[in-house]
Amino acid sequence: MKIQSPNQQITKSIKSPISLVLHSGGLDSTIACKILQAQGIQIIALYFITPFFGYKLGGQEKILSERALFDHGIEFKRIDISDVYLEMIKNPEHGYGKHMNPCIDCRILMVRKAINMLREFNASFVATGEVLGQRPMSQRRDALRIIERDSGAEGQLLRPLSALHLPPTDMENKGLVDRSKLLGLTGRGRKDQIALAGKYGIKDYPAPAGGCVLADPILSLRFRYMFELCPELDVNDCLLMRMGRHFILPDGSWLVIGRDQRENRKIVSMIREGDIKLDLTAGYGPTGLLRKTRSGFNADLAAGILCRYARVRRRLEEVRLSGPGTENIKTIKTFPVSDETINKSRI
């Protein structure tokens, strides 16, 4: 029988440290995971979900697959932070970016959440795939410092890709992480990351486009308008805003019309109590959803707008309504409205 030496027994009894890594689903955060794995650190990737990023809406989210991450030995956790995010976005302490993107407050919220989860996962520190100077609002040197400070993560937040340009963390000072094996990447270039992807065997990674719809120049205008009009918007409302054509009618009703069959199906799946569904009795064309209606809402106008987007344009169409308040108005025969009317109501 082979007897282990005391040193071997001690080595076996020591568990690998665990790091919670904020994972965007992209290449940089995956490389951060691999850098730490190479030092024997166990990785748990936290993928945060809000109505503005993370939700899968018919392929709109382009992320490295969970299966690919599993193959790299990365444990993947989806965590929904929608409710707290909706409160933050109404008045972010550090303001918005070019559009409605509260990038600094967004990072603070996610890092703080991860720090608060360290004990739950028996983890030692939090890491991210941030690269100094890569994004103009949230990855400047001063912004990185603000995020660490305001999230309560001082000394516990590691950025492996740019660590050599940043002060050493507690993990490095204590020897938990070998600083000499971390990187010193900066700027918006991708050449080094692509080379590292080859080194670590990372394939089929998405382009670095950023998945937050709040940074979209068109969608952000819609979100801003709707939040000013209805500050109480919830998760379902925000997801609905990401698809279709949108109109606010003179009576205050909110009309959403699908642009294709996929959106029609998605809109139907999001109907909730109080909503009114509109579709053409002829069986072709878009599906509409009326929300936030009041008594005496303008059903004729909503039906006329729906007809305007029928695949086969005819002079007279019949629109079927179903939902509260439509008991006496099962169908409406109407004409497509003019472009002038569309432009007055569309947001």
Protein backbone atom coordinates (compact mmCIF):
# COMPACT_ATOMS: atom_id res chain seq x y z
CA MET A 1 0.00 0.00 0.00
CA LYS A 2 1.38 3.38 -1.04
CA ILE A 3 1.49 5.90 1.80
CA GLN A 4 0.99 9.57 0.92
CA SER A 5 3.38 12.11 2.33
CA PRO A 6 2.00 14.82 4.65
CA ASN A 7 2.58 17.40 1.90
CA GLN A 8 0.47 15.38 -0.56
CA GLN A 9 -2.31 15.05 1.99
CA ILE A 10 -2.31 18.80 2.64
CA THR A 11 -2.37 19.56 -1.09
CA LYS A 12 -5.40 17.33 -1.60
CA SER A 13 -7.26 18.93 1.26
CA ILE A 14 -6.91 22.44 -0.17
CA LYS A 15 -9.82 23.35 -2.42
CA SER A 16 -9.35 25.53 -5.49
CA PRO A 17 -10.43 29.14 -4.96
CA ILE A 18 -13.66 30.19 -6.69
CA SER A 19 -14.22 33.37 -8.67
CA LEU A 20 -17.55 34.82 -9.76
CA VAL A 21 -17.05 36.27 -13.24
CA LEU A 22 -19.49 38.77 -14.71
CA HIS A 23 -20.09 37.19 -18.12
CA SER A 24 -21.58 39.13 -21.02
CA GLY A 25 -21.75 36.11 -23.29
CA GLY A 26 -18.89 37.50 -25.37
CA LEU A 27 -15.22 36.89 -25.99
CA ASP A 28 -13.58 39.18 -23.41
CA SER A 29 -15.35 37.70 -20.42
CA THR A 30 -14.66 34.17 -21.68
CA ILE A 31 -10.95 34.98 -21.95
CA ALA A 32 -11.05 36.35 -18.39
CA CYS A 33 -12.44 32.99 -17.28
CA LYS A 34 -9.71 31.07 -19.10
CA ILE A 35 -6.92 33.24 -17.65
CA LEU A 36 -8.12 32.49 -14.14
CA GLN A 37 -8.71 28.80 -14.90
CA ALA A 38 -5.08 28.55 -15.98
CA GLN A 39 -4.16 29.47 -12.40
CA GLY A 40 -6.31 26.68 -10.97
CA ILE A 41 -9.21 28.95 -10.04
CA GLN A 42 -12.73 27.56 -10.34
CA ILE A 43 -15.08 29.76 -12.37
CA ILE A 44 -18.78 30.51 -11.95
CA ALA A 45 -20.00 32.79 -14.74
CA LEU A 46 -22.87 35.11 -13.80
CA TYR A 47 -25.00 36.16 -16.76
CA PHE A 48 -27.33 38.94 -15.65
CA ILE A 49 -30.69 39.42 -17.37
CA THR A 50 -32.82 42.56 -17.70
CA PRO A 51 -35.45 43.55 -20.30
CA PHE A 52 -32.67 45.43 -22.10
CA PHE A 53 -30.11 42.65 -22.42
CA GLY A 54 -29.95 38.93 -21.76
CA TYR A 55 -33.48 37.92 -22.74
CA LYS A 56 -33.68 35.76 -25.85
CA LEU A 57 -36.14 37.36 -28.24
CA GLY A 58 -36.02 35.34 -31.42
CA GLY A 59 -32.27 35.44 -31.87
CA GLN A 60 -31.73 39.09 -30.98
CA GLU A 61 -29.16 38.08 -28.34
CA LYS A 62 -25.90 36.83 -29.81
CA ILE A 63 -23.94 35.13 -27.04
CA LEU A 64 -21.49 32.30 -26.71
CA SER A 65 -23.65 29.24 -26.06
CA GLU A 66 -23.98 27.72 -22.62
CA ARG A 67 -22.84 24.43 -24.12
CA ALA A 68 -19.62 26.06 -25.35
CA LEU A 69 -18.95 27.51 -21.90
CA PHE A 70 -19.64 24.13 -20.29
CA ASP A 71 -17.12 22.54 -22.65
CA HIS A 72 -14.57 25.05 -21.35
CA GLY A 73 -15.30 24.03 -17.77
CA ILE A 74 -17.22 27.21 -17.00
CA GLU A 75 -20.30 26.92 -14.80
CA PHE A 76 -22.97 29.30 -16.12
CA LYS A 77 -25.71 30.97 -14.04
CA ARG A 78 -28.47 33.18 -15.45
CA ILE A 79 -29.66 35.73 -12.89
CA ASP A 80 -32.62 38.04 -13.46
CA ILE A 81 -32.10 41.51 -11.98
CA SER A 82 -34.96 43.18 -13.89
CA ASP A 83 -36.86 44.70 -10.97
CA VAL A 84 -33.91 46.49 -9.38
CA TYR A 85 -32.64 47.50 -12.83
CA LEU A 86 -35.94 49.16 -13.73
CA GLU A 87 -35.70 51.27 -10.58
CA MET A 88 -32.12 52.26 -11.34
CA ILE A 89 -32.73 53.23 -14.95
CA LYS A 90 -35.28 55.90 -14.07
CA ASN A 91 -32.63 58.06 -12.40
CA PRO A 92 -29.07 56.70 -12.70
CA GLU A 93 -26.69 58.50 -10.34
CA HIS A 94 -23.94 58.73 -12.98
CA GLY A 95 -26.24 59.63 -15.85
CA TYR A 96 -26.75 58.21 -19.32
CA GLY A 97 -24.37 57.69 -22.18
CA LYS A 98 -24.96 58.87 -25.73
CA HIS A 99 -28.48 57.46 -25.68
CA MET A 100 -30.35 56.02 -22.66
CA ASN A 101 -27.57 53.65 -21.57
CA PRO A 102 -26.70 54.03 -17.84
CA CYS A 103 -23.42 52.15 -18.32
CA ILE A 104 -21.63 53.12 -15.09
CA ASP A 105 -24.64 52.53 -12.85
CA CYS A 106 -25.34 49.29 -14.72
CA ARG A 107 -21.86 47.99 -13.91
CA ILE A 108 -22.12 49.15 -10.30
CA LEU A 109 -25.40 47.29 -9.90
CA MET A 110 -24.04 44.04 -11.36
CA VAL A 111 -20.75 44.12 -9.47
CA ARG A 112 -22.58 44.88 -6.21
CA LYS A 113 -24.93 41.95 -6.86
CA ALA A 114 -21.97 39.65 -7.49
CA ILE A 115 -20.15 40.82 -4.36
CA ASN A 116 -23.26 40.09 -2.32
CA MET A 117 -23.32 36.56 -3.79
CA LEU A 118 -19.74 35.63 -2.85
CA ARG A 119 -20.75 33.86 0.33
CA GLU A 120 -23.60 32.02 -1.42
CA PHE A 121 -21.12 30.37 -3.80
CA ASN A 122 -18.23 30.18 -1.31
CA ALA A 123 -16.28 32.37 -3.73
CA SER A 124 -13.27 34.57 -2.95
CA PHE A 125 -13.57 37.44 -5.43
CA VAL A 126 -15.33 38.88 -8.48
CA ALA A 127 -13.77 39.27 -11.93
CA THR A 128 -14.89 40.86 -15.20
CA GLY A 129 -13.79 40.95 -18.82
CA GLU A 130 -13.44 44.74 -18.86
CA VAL A 131 -10.61 46.23 -20.91
CA LEU A 132 -9.22 49.63 -19.98
CA GLY A 133 -10.21 52.20 -22.64
CA GLN A 134 -12.40 49.83 -24.65
CA ARG A 135 -15.71 51.59 -24.00
CA PRO A 136 -15.87 55.38 -23.75
CA MET A 137 -18.24 55.67 -20.76
CA SER A 138 -17.73 52.73 -18.43
CA GLN A 139 -14.17 51.58 -19.12
CA ARG A 140 -12.19 54.77 -18.64
CA ARG A 141 -9.70 54.57 -15.78
CA ASP A 142 -11.76 56.90 -13.59
CA ALA A 143 -14.98 55.01 -14.38
CA LEU A 144 -13.40 51.69 -13.43
CA ARG A 145 -12.41 53.20 -10.10
CA ILE A 146 -15.93 54.59 -9.52
CA ILE A 147 -17.50 51.21 -10.28
CA GLU A 148 -15.21 49.45 -7.80
CA ARG A 149 -15.81 52.05 -5.10
CA ASP A 150 -19.58 52.50 -5.42
CA SER A 151 -20.29 48.77 -5.71
CA GLY A 152 -18.51 48.05 -2.43
CA ALA A 153 -15.99 45.84 -4.24
CA GLU A 154 -12.76 47.58 -3.27
CA GLY A 155 -9.95 45.05 -3.28
CA GLN A 156 -12.29 42.24 -4.38
CA LEU A 157 -12.74 43.13 -8.06
CA LEU A 158 -10.22 41.79 -10.58
CA ARG A 159 -9.99 42.74 -14.27
CA PRO A 160 -7.65 40.06 -15.64
CA LEU A 161 -7.38 41.49 -19.16
CA SER A 162 -6.09 44.91 -18.03
CA ALA A 163 -4.77 44.09 -14.56
CA LEU A 164 -1.18 45.12 -15.32
CA HIS A 165 -2.36 48.70 -15.93
CA LEU A 166 -4.37 48.81 -12.70
CA PRO A 167 -3.38 48.73 -9.01
CA PRO A 168 -2.88 45.24 -7.52
CA THR A 169 -5.96 43.80 -5.83
CA ASP A 170 -6.17 42.02 -2.48
CA MET A 171 -6.23 38.69 -4.33
CA GLU A 172 -2.90 39.43 -5.99
CA ASN A 173 -1.31 40.80 -2.82
CA LYS A 174 -2.33 37.67 -0.89
CA GLY A 175 -1.02 35.34 -3.60
CA LEU A 176 -4.44 33.95 -4.48
CA VAL A 177 -3.89 35.22 -8.03
CA ASP A 178 -0.49 35.40 -9.75
CA ARG A 179 -0.26 38.94 -11.13
CA SER A 180 2.54 37.99 -13.52
CA LYS A 181 0.10 35.75 -15.40
CA LEU A 182 -2.50 38.47 -15.91
CA LEU A 183 -2.67 40.75 -18.96
CA GLY A 184 -2.18 44.42 -19.81
CA LEU A 185 -4.60 44.97 -22.67
CA THR A 186 -5.94 48.47 -23.40
CA GLY A 187 -7.98 50.20 -26.07
CA ARG A 188 -10.57 49.18 -28.61
CA GLY A 189 -8.41 46.86 -30.74
CA ARG A 190 -9.34 43.17 -30.94
CA LYS A 191 -6.15 41.62 -32.35
CA ASP A 192 -4.88 40.38 -28.99
CA GLN A 193 -8.27 38.96 -27.97
CA ILE A 194 -8.59 37.08 -31.27
CA ALA A 195 -5.13 35.60 -30.77
CA LEU A 196 -6.07 34.55 -27.23
CA ALA A 197 -9.28 32.96 -28.53
CA GLY A 198 -7.12 30.75 -30.74
CA LYS A 199 -4.81 29.92 -27.84
CA TYR A 200 -7.69 28.85 -25.59
CA GLY A 201 -9.74 27.14 -28.32
CA ILE A 202 -12.65 29.58 -28.06
CA LYS A 203 -14.76 29.33 -31.22
CA ASP A 204 -17.96 30.84 -32.62
CA TYR A 205 -17.81 33.89 -30.38
CA PRO A 206 -20.05 36.86 -31.23
CA ALA A 207 -18.87 40.16 -32.67
CA PRO A 208 -18.23 42.88 -30.05
CA ALA A 209 -21.41 44.81 -30.80
CA GLY A 210 -22.81 45.27 -27.32
CA GLY A 211 -26.19 43.74 -26.61
CA CYS A 212 -27.92 46.52 -24.67
CA VAL A 213 -30.90 48.00 -26.50
CA LEU A 214 -30.64 51.16 -24.39
CA ALA A 215 -27.60 52.06 -26.49
CA ASP A 216 -29.55 51.65 -29.74
CA PRO A 217 -30.20 55.10 -31.30
CA ILE A 218 -33.77 54.22 -32.35
CA LEU A 219 -34.99 51.97 -29.54
CA SER A 220 -33.55 54.26 -26.87
CA LEU A 221 -35.79 57.09 -28.07
CA ARG A 222 -38.82 54.83 -27.71
CA PHE A 223 -37.79 53.77 -24.22
CA ARG A 224 -37.15 57.34 -23.13
CA TYR A 225 -40.53 58.52 -24.44
CA MET A 226 -42.42 55.64 -22.82
CA PHE A 227 -40.69 56.00 -19.45
CA GLU A 228 -41.62 59.69 -19.39
CA LEU A 229 -45.20 58.82 -20.35
CA CYS A 230 -45.55 55.78 -18.02
CA PRO A 231 -42.89 55.68 -15.27
CA GLU A 232 -44.49 52.51 -13.86
CA LEU A 233 -43.49 50.36 -16.88
CA ASP A 234 -42.71 46.77 -15.91
CA VAL A 235 -40.65 43.94 -17.43
CA ASN A 236 -43.39 42.81 -19.81
CA ASP A 237 -43.86 46.39 -21.05
CA CYS A 238 -40.14 46.79 -21.71
CA LEU A 239 -39.87 43.49 -23.55
CA LEU A 240 -42.86 44.48 -25.67
CA MET A 241 -41.14 47.74 -26.59
CA ARG A 242 -38.31 45.79 -28.20
CA MET A 243 -40.46 44.52 -31.05
CA GLY A 244 -43.01 45.74 -33.55
CA ARG A 245 -44.34 49.15 -34.56
CA HIS A 246 -45.59 51.35 -31.71
CA PHE A 247 -48.29 54.00 -31.53
CA ILE A 248 -49.80 56.17 -28.81
CA LEU A 249 -53.38 56.97 -29.77
CA PRO A 250 -55.10 60.27 -28.88
CA ASP A 251 -56.99 58.57 -26.02
CA GLY A 252 -53.68 57.42 -24.48
CA SER A 253 -53.92 53.78 -25.59
CA TRP A 254 -50.69 52.02 -26.55
CA LEU A 255 -50.87 50.03 -29.79
CA VAL A 256 -48.19 47.54 -30.87
CA ILE A 257 -48.28 45.91 -34.31
CA GLY A 258 -46.09 42.97 -35.37
CA ARG A 259 -43.83 43.37 -38.38
CA ASP A 260 -43.62 39.69 -39.32
CA GLN A 261 -44.93 36.28 -38.32
CA ARG A 262 -42.29 35.82 -35.62
CA GLU A 263 -43.21 39.11 -33.97
CA ASN A 264 -46.92 38.32 -34.28
CA ARG A 265 -46.40 35.10 -32.33
CA LYS A 266 -44.26 36.83 -29.73
CA ILE A 267 -46.80 39.63 -29.23
CA VAL A 268 -49.58 37.08 -28.71
CA SER A 269 -47.46 35.29 -26.11
CA MET A 270 -47.08 38.55 -24.18
CA ILE A 271 -50.79 39.40 -23.97
CA ARG A 272 -51.88 39.78 -20.36
CA GLU A 273 -55.04 40.66 -18.49
CA GLY A 274 -56.51 43.94 -19.74
CA ASP A 275 -54.91 43.77 -23.21
CA ILE A 276 -56.91 43.72 -26.43
CA LYS A 277 -55.83 41.63 -29.40
CA LEU A 278 -56.49 42.77 -32.98
CA ASP A 279 -56.14 40.75 -36.17
CA LEU A 280 -57.64 40.60 -39.65
CA THR A 281 -60.55 38.21 -40.08
CA ALA A 282 -59.23 37.43 -43.57
CA GLY A 283 -56.36 35.63 -41.85
CA TYR A 284 -53.37 37.46 -43.29
CA GLY A 285 -51.31 40.40 -42.11
CA PRO A 286 -50.16 41.67 -38.74
CA THR A 287 -51.35 41.09 -35.19
CA GLY A 288 -51.96 44.07 -32.94
CA LEU A 289 -52.04 44.51 -29.17
CA LEU A 290 -53.74 47.40 -27.40
CA ARG A 291 -52.58 48.15 -23.86
CA LYS A 292 -53.43 50.82 -21.28
CA THR A 293 -56.84 51.42 -22.82
CA ARG A 294 -59.52 53.48 -21.13
CA SER A 295 -63.30 53.38 -21.48
CA GLY A 296 -64.33 54.73 -24.83
CA PHE A 297 -60.96 53.95 -26.46
CA ASN A 298 -60.64 54.61 -30.18
CA ALA A 299 -61.05 51.08 -31.56
CA ASP A 300 -61.71 52.38 -35.10
CA LEU A 301 -58.38 54.19 -35.25
CA ALA A 302 -56.48 51.17 -33.89
CA ALA A 303 -58.15 48.93 -36.48
CA GLY A 304 -57.37 51.39 -39.28
CA ILE A 305 -53.69 51.50 -38.30
CA LEU A 306 -53.57 47.70 -38.28
CA CYS A 307 -55.09 47.61 -41.79
CA ARG A 308 -52.41 49.99 -43.02
CA TYR A 309 -49.86 47.20 -42.54
CA ALA A 310 -51.85 44.36 -44.13
CA ARG A 311 -49.85 42.32 -46.63
CA VAL A 312 -52.60 42.61 -49.22
CA ARG A 313 -53.86 46.20 -49.17
CA ARG A 314 -57.58 46.46 -49.87
CA ARG A 315 -60.04 49.33 -49.60
CA LEU A 316 -62.08 47.79 -46.82
CA GLU A 317 -60.88 45.35 -44.17
CA GLU A 318 -62.52 43.60 -41.27
CA VAL A 319 -60.61 43.57 -37.97
CA ARG A 320 -61.42 41.18 -35.14
CA LEU A 321 -61.04 42.41 -31.53
CA SER A 322 -60.84 40.24 -28.43
CA GLY A 323 -60.35 41.32 -24.85
CA PRO A 324 -61.96 43.47 -22.15
CA GLY A 325 -64.27 46.20 -23.38
CA THR A 326 -64.82 44.54 -26.76
CA GLU A 327 -67.91 42.52 -25.83
CA ASN A 328 -70.07 44.78 -27.98
CA ILE A 329 -67.45 45.33 -30.71
CA LYS A 330 -66.48 41.92 -32.03
CA THR A 331 -65.36 43.18 -35.43
CA ILE A 332 -64.77 46.52 -37.12
CA LYS A 333 -64.97 47.19 -40.84
CA THR A 334 -62.65 50.03 -41.73
CA PHE A 335 -60.23 51.47 -44.26
CA PRO A 336 -56.45 51.70 -43.86
CA VAL A 337 -55.50 55.06 -42.38
CA SER A 338 -53.35 57.60 -44.20
CA ASP A 339 -49.61 58.02 -43.75
CA GLU A 340 -50.34 61.37 -42.13
CA THR A 341 -52.38 59.65 -39.43
CA ILE A 342 -49.64 57.03 -38.94
CA ASN A 343 -47.00 59.71 -38.46
CA LYS A 344 -49.07 61.54 -35.85
CA SER A 345 -49.30 58.52 -33.58
CA ARG A 346 -46.15 56.51 -34.22
CA ILE A 347 -43.32 56.51 -31.67
